[in-house]
Amino acid sequence: MSTDDDVSTLLAALWRERWLSGPPVAHTFRSTYADRWVRFHSLPGSKRYPEYEDGYAIVRHRHNSFLDEWFAGT
């Protein structure tokens, strides 16, 4: 077994131990973990992907602002 296989097996076991309600499948989190699920809108109008370079700049700025606040003092 490779190291990647070992890590995958370990992570799967940890997930099952800590999150009994469902598998680590992102599109199921909103319903399965509704009490903890959150979505951050990074673009105006709730767009999912930037269409132009200006949009990428907005995403970078918003993500960096969030990280600056979230990890302040660490």
PDB file of N, CA and C in Angstrom:
ATOM      1  N   MET A   1       0.850  -1.176   0.000  1.00  0.00           N
ATOM      2  CA  MET A   1       0.000   0.000   0.000  1.00  0.00           C
ATOM      3  C   MET A   1       0.896   1.239   0.000  1.00  0.00           C
ATOM      4  N   SER A   2       0.552   2.220  -0.859  1.00  0.00           N
ATOM      5  CA  SER A   2       1.357   3.432  -0.945  1.00  0.00           C
ATOM      6  C   SER A   2       0.985   4.388   0.181  1.00  0.00           C
ATOM      7  N   THR A   3       1.818   5.397   0.349  1.00  0.00           N
ATOM      8  CA  THR A   3       1.554   6.409   1.363  1.00  0.00           C
ATOM      9  C   THR A   3       0.237   7.122   1.083  1.00  0.00           C
ATOM     10  N   ASP A   4      -0.046   7.398  -0.201  1.00  0.00           N
ATOM     11  CA  ASP A   4      -1.319   8.035  -0.554  1.00  0.00           C
ATOM     12  C   ASP A   4      -2.507   7.172  -0.138  1.00  0.00           C
ATOM     13  N   ASP A   5      -2.379   5.863  -0.336  1.00  0.00           N
ATOM     14  CA  ASP A   5      -3.453   4.956   0.081  1.00  0.00           C
ATOM     15  C   ASP A   5      -3.633   4.976   1.590  1.00  0.00           C
ATOM     16  N   ASP A   6      -2.520   5.029   2.317  1.00  0.00           N
ATOM     17  CA  ASP A   6      -2.582   5.081   3.780  1.00  0.00           C
ATOM     18  C   ASP A   6      -3.290   6.354   4.248  1.00  0.00           C
ATOM     19  N   VAL A   7      -2.946   7.469   3.635  1.00  0.00           N
ATOM     20  CA  VAL A   7      -3.554   8.747   4.006  1.00  0.00           C
ATOM     21  C   VAL A   7      -5.041   8.730   3.673  1.00  0.00           C
ATOM     22  N   SER A   8      -5.394   8.231   2.500  1.00  0.00           N
ATOM     23  CA  SER A   8      -6.802   8.153   2.109  1.00  0.00           C
ATOM     24  C   SER A   8      -7.606   7.294   3.073  1.00  0.00           C
ATOM     25  N   THR A   9      -7.049   6.163   3.452  1.00  0.00           N
ATOM     26  CA  THR A   9      -7.721   5.265   4.392  1.00  0.00           C
ATOM     27  C   THR A   9      -7.882   5.932   5.749  1.00  0.00           C
ATOM     28  N   LEU A  10      -6.851   6.611   6.212  1.00  0.00           N
ATOM     29  CA  LEU A  10      -6.909   7.305   7.490  1.00  0.00           C
ATOM     30  C   LEU A  10      -7.955   8.418   7.468  1.00  0.00           C
ATOM     31  N   LEU A  11      -7.940   9.229   6.417  1.00  0.00           N
ATOM     32  CA  LEU A  11      -8.909  10.321   6.327  1.00  0.00           C
ATOM     33  C   LEU A  11     -10.342   9.800   6.255  1.00  0.00           C
ATOM     34  N   ALA A  12     -10.562   8.733   5.512  1.00  0.00           N
ATOM     35  CA  ALA A  12     -11.907   8.145   5.429  1.00  0.00           C
ATOM     36  C   ALA A  12     -12.362   7.652   6.801  1.00  0.00           C
ATOM     37  N   ALA A  13     -11.460   7.025   7.544  1.00  0.00           N
ATOM     38  CA  ALA A  13     -11.806   6.529   8.880  1.00  0.00           C
ATOM     39  C   ALA A  13     -12.118   7.688   9.832  1.00  0.00           C
ATOM     40  N   LEU A  14     -11.310   8.742   9.772  1.00  0.00           N
ATOM     41  CA  LEU A  14     -11.560   9.911  10.620  1.00  0.00           C
ATOM     42  C   LEU A  14     -12.894  10.562  10.284  1.00  0.00           C
ATOM     43  N   TRP A  15     -13.207  10.650   9.000  1.00  0.00           N
ATOM     44  CA  TRP A  15     -14.495  11.232   8.596  1.00  0.00           C
ATOM     45  C   TRP A  15     -15.654  10.431   9.186  1.00  0.00           C
ATOM     46  N   ARG A  16     -15.604   9.119   9.012  1.00  0.00           N
ATOM     47  CA  ARG A  16     -16.690   8.263   9.515  1.00  0.00           C
ATOM     48  C   ARG A  16     -16.828   8.380  11.033  1.00  0.00           C
ATOM     49  N   GLU A  17     -15.705   8.540  11.718  1.00  0.00           N
ATOM     50  CA  GLU A  17     -15.721   8.647  13.176  1.00  0.00           C
ATOM     51  C   GLU A  17     -16.348   9.959  13.651  1.00  0.00           C
ATOM     52  N   ARG A  18     -16.081  11.047  12.946  1.00  0.00           N
ATOM     53  CA  ARG A  18     -16.504  12.369  13.408  1.00  0.00           C
ATOM     54  C   ARG A  18     -17.786  12.882  12.770  1.00  0.00           C
ATOM     55  N   TRP A  19     -18.117  12.406  11.588  1.00  0.00           N
ATOM     56  CA  TRP A  19     -19.266  12.916  10.849  1.00  0.00           C
ATOM     57  C   TRP A  19     -20.148  11.739  10.449  1.00  0.00           C
ATOM     58  N   LEU A  20     -20.952  11.284  11.365  1.00  0.00           N
ATOM     59  CA  LEU A  20     -21.733  10.069  11.172  1.00  0.00           C
ATOM     60  C   LEU A  20     -22.903  10.220  10.205  1.00  0.00           C
ATOM     61  N   SER A  21     -23.294  11.458   9.913  1.00  0.00           N
ATOM     62  CA  SER A  21     -24.507  11.669   9.120  1.00  0.00           C
ATOM     63  C   SER A  21     -24.360  11.409   7.631  1.00  0.00           C
ATOM     64  N   GLY A  22     -23.153  11.392   7.122  1.00  0.00           N
ATOM     65  CA  GLY A  22     -23.014  11.184   5.688  1.00  0.00           C
ATOM     66  C   GLY A  22     -21.581  11.201   5.220  1.00  0.00           C
ATOM     67  N   PRO A  23     -21.378  10.813   3.976  1.00  0.00           N
ATOM     68  CA  PRO A  23     -20.029  10.739   3.411  1.00  0.00           C
ATOM     69  C   PRO A  23     -19.492  12.133   3.061  1.00  0.00           C
ATOM     70  N   PRO A  24     -18.199  12.248   2.815  1.00  0.00           N
ATOM     71  CA  PRO A  24     -17.611  13.543   2.454  1.00  0.00           C
ATOM     72  C   PRO A  24     -17.867  13.891   0.985  1.00  0.00           C
ATOM     73  N   VAL A  25     -19.113  14.145   0.664  1.00  0.00           N
ATOM     74  CA  VAL A  25     -19.521  14.493  -0.697  1.00  0.00           C
ATOM     75  C   VAL A  25     -20.088  15.913  -0.635  1.00  0.00           C
ATOM     76  N   ALA A  26     -19.353  16.859  -1.209  1.00  0.00           N
ATOM     77  CA  ALA A  26     -19.634  18.281  -1.022  1.00  0.00           C
ATOM     78  C   ALA A  26     -21.080  18.672  -1.310  1.00  0.00           C
ATOM     79  N   HIS A  27     -21.657  18.182  -2.380  1.00  0.00           N
ATOM     80  CA  HIS A  27     -23.007  18.640  -2.734  1.00  0.00           C
ATOM     81  C   HIS A  27     -24.087  18.146  -1.764  1.00  0.00           C
ATOM     82  N   THR A  28     -23.743  17.242  -0.855  1.00  0.00           N
ATOM     83  CA  THR A  28     -24.719  16.772   0.128  1.00  0.00           C
ATOM     84  C   THR A  28     -24.654  17.546   1.449  1.00  0.00           C
ATOM     85  N   PHE A  29     -23.628  18.360   1.637  1.00  0.00           N
ATOM     86  CA  PHE A  29     -23.424  19.025   2.923  1.00  0.00           C
ATOM     87  C   PHE A  29     -24.563  19.963   3.301  1.00  0.00           C
ATOM     88  N   ARG A  30     -25.131  20.654   2.322  1.00  0.00           N
ATOM     89  CA  ARG A  30     -26.174  21.636   2.627  1.00  0.00           C
ATOM     90  C   ARG A  30     -27.366  20.998   3.338  1.00  0.00           C
ATOM     91  N   SER A  31     -27.727  19.791   2.931  1.00  0.00           N
ATOM     92  CA  SER A  31     -28.854  19.127   3.584  1.00  0.00           C
ATOM     93  C   SER A  31     -28.408  18.254   4.756  1.00  0.00           C
ATOM     94  N   THR A  32     -27.307  17.554   4.597  1.00  0.00           N
ATOM     95  CA  THR A  32     -26.858  16.626   5.643  1.00  0.00           C
ATOM     96  C   THR A  32     -26.357  17.360   6.881  1.00  0.00           C
ATOM     97  N   TYR A  33     -25.646  18.452   6.675  1.00  0.00           N
ATOM     98  CA  TYR A  33     -25.058  19.211   7.785  1.00  0.00           C
ATOM     99  C   TYR A  33     -25.592  20.641   7.783  1.00  0.00           C
ATOM    100  N   ALA A  34     -26.908  20.787   7.674  1.00  0.00           N
ATOM    101  CA  ALA A  34     -27.530  22.103   7.543  1.00  0.00           C
ATOM    102  C   ALA A  34     -27.196  23.034   8.706  1.00  0.00           C
ATOM    103  N   ASP A  35     -26.982  22.486   9.890  1.00  0.00           N
ATOM    104  CA  ASP A  35     -26.668  23.317  11.055  1.00  0.00           C
ATOM    105  C   ASP A  35     -25.255  23.878  11.007  1.00  0.00           C
ATOM    106  N   ARG A  36     -24.418  23.365  10.111  1.00  0.00           N
ATOM    107  CA  ARG A  36     -23.025  23.823  10.016  1.00  0.00           C
ATOM    108  C   ARG A  36     -22.648  24.323   8.633  1.00  0.00           C
ATOM    109  N   TRP A  37     -23.515  24.120   7.663  1.00  0.00           N
ATOM    110  CA  TRP A  37     -23.190  24.447   6.280  1.00  0.00           C
ATOM    111  C   TRP A  37     -23.204  25.957   6.070  1.00  0.00           C
ATOM    112  N   VAL A  38     -22.230  26.441   5.319  1.00  0.00           N
ATOM    113  CA  VAL A  38     -22.166  27.860   5.007  1.00  0.00           C
ATOM    114  C   VAL A  38     -21.598  28.015   3.601  1.00  0.00           C
ATOM    115  N   ARG A  39     -22.054  29.031   2.925  1.00  0.00           N
ATOM    116  CA  ARG A  39     -21.507  29.338   1.608  1.00  0.00           C
ATOM    117  C   ARG A  39     -21.142  30.802   1.606  1.00  0.00           C
ATOM    118  N   PHE A  40     -19.922  31.099   1.207  1.00  0.00           N
ATOM    119  CA  PHE A  40     -19.462  32.473   1.096  1.00  0.00           C
ATOM    120  C   PHE A  40     -19.561  32.895  -0.364  1.00  0.00           C
ATOM    121  N   HIS A  41     -20.254  33.977  -0.603  1.00  0.00           N
ATOM    122  CA  HIS A  41     -20.381  34.498  -1.967  1.00  0.00           C
ATOM    123  C   HIS A  41     -19.178  35.374  -2.247  1.00  0.00           C
ATOM    124  N   SER A  42     -18.402  34.986  -3.230  1.00  0.00           N
ATOM    125  CA  SER A  42     -17.173  35.694  -3.537  1.00  0.00           C
ATOM    126  C   SER A  42     -17.314  36.689  -4.664  1.00  0.00           C
ATOM    127  N   LEU A  43     -18.399  36.631  -5.367  1.00  0.00           N
ATOM    128  CA  LEU A  43     -18.608  37.530  -6.496  1.00  0.00           C
ATOM    129  C   LEU A  43     -19.956  38.224  -6.387  1.00  0.00           C
ATOM    130  N   PRO A  44     -20.059  39.414  -6.944  1.00  0.00           N
ATOM    131  CA  PRO A  44     -21.351  40.102  -6.957  1.00  0.00           C
ATOM    132  C   PRO A  44     -22.403  39.255  -7.669  1.00  0.00           C
ATOM    133  N   GLY A  45     -23.629  39.353  -7.206  1.00  0.00           N
ATOM    134  CA  GLY A  45     -24.721  38.626  -7.836  1.00  0.00           C
ATOM    135  C   GLY A  45     -24.661  37.127  -7.628  1.00  0.00           C
ATOM    136  N   SER A  46     -23.897  36.692  -6.661  1.00  0.00           N
ATOM    137  CA  SER A  46     -23.753  35.263  -6.334  1.00  0.00           C
ATOM    138  C   SER A  46     -23.241  34.426  -7.502  1.00  0.00           C
ATOM    139  N   LYS A  47     -22.497  35.049  -8.403  1.00  0.00           N
ATOM    140  CA  LYS A  47     -21.883  34.277  -9.491  1.00  0.00           C
ATOM    141  C   LYS A  47     -20.905  33.290  -8.892  1.00  0.00           C
ATOM    142  N   ARG A  48     -20.768  32.146  -9.537  1.00  0.00           N
ATOM    143  CA  ARG A  48     -19.858  31.113  -9.044  1.00  0.00           C
ATOM    144  C   ARG A  48     -18.432  31.289  -9.548  1.00  0.00           C
ATOM    145  N   TYR A  49     -18.284  31.764 -10.780  1.00  0.00           N
ATOM    146  CA  TYR A  49     -16.958  31.869 -11.394  1.00  0.00           C
ATOM    147  C   TYR A  49     -16.778  33.243 -12.018  1.00  0.00           C
ATOM    148  N   PRO A  50     -15.577  33.806 -11.863  1.00  0.00           N
ATOM    149  CA  PRO A  50     -15.327  35.101 -12.502  1.00  0.00           C
ATOM    150  C   PRO A  50     -15.296  34.950 -14.023  1.00  0.00           C
ATOM    151  N   GLU A  51     -15.803  35.947 -14.700  1.00  0.00           N
ATOM    152  CA  GLU A  51     -15.819  35.907 -16.157  1.00  0.00           C
ATOM    153  C   GLU A  51     -14.673  36.705 -16.770  1.00  0.00           C
ATOM    154  N   TYR A  52     -14.142  37.668 -16.001  1.00  0.00           N
ATOM    155  CA  TYR A  52     -13.080  38.533 -16.497  1.00  0.00           C
ATOM    156  C   TYR A  52     -12.023  38.703 -15.415  1.00  0.00           C
ATOM    157  N   GLU A  53     -10.905  39.299 -15.785  1.00  0.00           N
ATOM    158  CA  GLU A  53      -9.812  39.505 -14.828  1.00  0.00           C
ATOM    159  C   GLU A  53     -10.273  40.340 -13.631  1.00  0.00           C
ATOM    160  N   ASP A  54     -11.154  41.299 -13.858  1.00  0.00           N
ATOM    161  CA  ASP A  54     -11.678  42.096 -12.740  1.00  0.00           C
ATOM    162  C   ASP A  54     -12.369  41.209 -11.704  1.00  0.00           C
ATOM    163  N   GLY A  55     -13.053  40.193 -12.181  1.00  0.00           N
ATOM    164  CA  GLY A  55     -13.727  39.258 -11.277  1.00  0.00           C
ATOM    165  C   GLY A  55     -12.736  38.479 -10.428  1.00  0.00           C
ATOM    166  N   TYR A  56     -11.620  38.079 -11.023  1.00  0.00           N
ATOM    167  CA  TYR A  56     -10.584  37.374 -10.256  1.00  0.00           C
ATOM    168  C   TYR A  56     -10.001  38.286  -9.181  1.00  0.00           C
ATOM    169  N   ALA A  57      -9.845  39.565  -9.497  1.00  0.00           N
ATOM    170  CA  ALA A  57      -9.339  40.524  -8.511  1.00  0.00           C
ATOM    171  C   ALA A  57     -10.315  40.655  -7.345  1.00  0.00           C
ATOM    172  N   ILE A  58     -11.614  40.675  -7.643  1.00  0.00           N
ATOM    173  CA  ILE A  58     -12.634  40.750  -6.588  1.00  0.00           C
ATOM    174  C   ILE A  58     -12.550  39.521  -5.693  1.00  0.00           C
ATOM    175  N   VAL A  59     -12.442  38.342  -6.306  1.00  0.00           N
ATOM    176  CA  VAL A  59     -12.350  37.091  -5.538  1.00  0.00           C
ATOM    177  C   VAL A  59     -11.127  37.115  -4.628  1.00  0.00           C
ATOM    178  N   ARG A  60      -9.975  37.477  -5.190  1.00  0.00           N
ATOM    179  CA  ARG A  60      -8.743  37.521  -4.380  1.00  0.00           C
ATOM    180  C   ARG A  60      -8.896  38.492  -3.210  1.00  0.00           C
ATOM    181  N   HIS A  61      -9.442  39.666  -3.479  1.00  0.00           N
ATOM    182  CA  HIS A  61      -9.604  40.662  -2.421  1.00  0.00           C
ATOM    183  C   HIS A  61     -10.541  40.147  -1.317  1.00  0.00           C
ATOM    184  N   ARG A  62     -11.671  39.596  -1.706  1.00  0.00           N
ATOM    185  CA  ARG A  62     -12.629  39.107  -0.709  1.00  0.00           C
ATOM    186  C   ARG A  62     -12.086  37.932   0.091  1.00  0.00           C
ATOM    187  N   HIS A  63     -11.405  37.017  -0.577  1.00  0.00           N
ATOM    188  CA  HIS A  63     -10.828  35.879   0.145  1.00  0.00           C
ATOM    189  C   HIS A  63      -9.733  36.341   1.096  1.00  0.00           C
ATOM    190  N   ASN A  64      -8.876  37.249   0.628  1.00  0.00           N
ATOM    191  CA  ASN A  64      -7.817  37.752   1.504  1.00  0.00           C
ATOM    192  C   ASN A  64      -8.386  38.523   2.685  1.00  0.00           C
ATOM    193  N   SER A  65      -9.454  39.290   2.462  1.00  0.00           N
ATOM    194  CA  SER A  65     -10.102  40.021   3.561  1.00  0.00           C
ATOM    195  C   SER A  65     -10.657  39.050   4.598  1.00  0.00           C
ATOM    196  N   PHE A  66     -11.314  38.009   4.118  1.00  0.00           N
ATOM    197  CA  PHE A  66     -11.849  37.002   5.022  1.00  0.00           C
ATOM    198  C   PHE A  66     -10.724  36.336   5.829  1.00  0.00           C
ATOM    199  N   LEU A  67      -9.665  35.925   5.144  1.00  0.00           N
ATOM    200  CA  LEU A  67      -8.566  35.253   5.839  1.00  0.00           C
ATOM    201  C   LEU A  67      -7.876  36.174   6.834  1.00  0.00           C
ATOM    202  N   ASP A  68      -7.727  37.458   6.474  1.00  0.00           N
ATOM    203  CA  ASP A  68      -7.124  38.411   7.397  1.00  0.00           C
ATOM    204  C   ASP A  68      -7.935  38.503   8.684  1.00  0.00           C
ATOM    205  N   GLU A  69      -9.252  38.549   8.572  1.00  0.00           N
ATOM    206  CA  GLU A  69     -10.112  38.625   9.741  1.00  0.00           C
ATOM    207  C   GLU A  69     -10.139  37.314  10.512  1.00  0.00           C
ATOM    208  N   TRP A  70     -10.256  36.213   9.806  1.00  0.00           N
ATOM    209  CA  TRP A  70     -10.393  34.889  10.419  1.00  0.00           C
ATOM    210  C   TRP A  70      -9.149  34.500  11.204  1.00  0.00           C
ATOM    211  N   PHE A  71      -7.976  34.834  10.649  1.00  0.00           N
ATOM    212  CA  PHE A  71      -6.720  34.405  11.267  1.00  0.00           C
ATOM    213  C   PHE A  71      -5.954  35.539  11.898  1.00  0.00           C
ATOM    214  N   ALA A  72      -6.607  36.631  12.217  1.00  0.00           N
ATOM    215  CA  ALA A  72      -5.942  37.760  12.863  1.00  0.00           C
ATOM    216  C   ALA A  72      -5.315  37.310  14.174  1.00  0.00           C
ATOM    217  N   GLY A  73      -4.065  37.678  14.364  1.00  0.00           N
ATOM    218  CA  GLY A  73      -3.385  37.359  15.608  1.00  0.00           C
ATOM    219  C   GLY A  73      -2.795  35.964  15.698  1.00  0.00           C
ATOM    220  N   THR A  74      -2.882  35.204  14.586  1.00  0.00           N
ATOM    221  CA  THR A  74      -2.305  33.844  14.632  1.00  0.00           C
ATOM    222  C   THR A  74      -1.059  33.769  13.784  1.00  0.00           C
TER     223      THR A  74
END
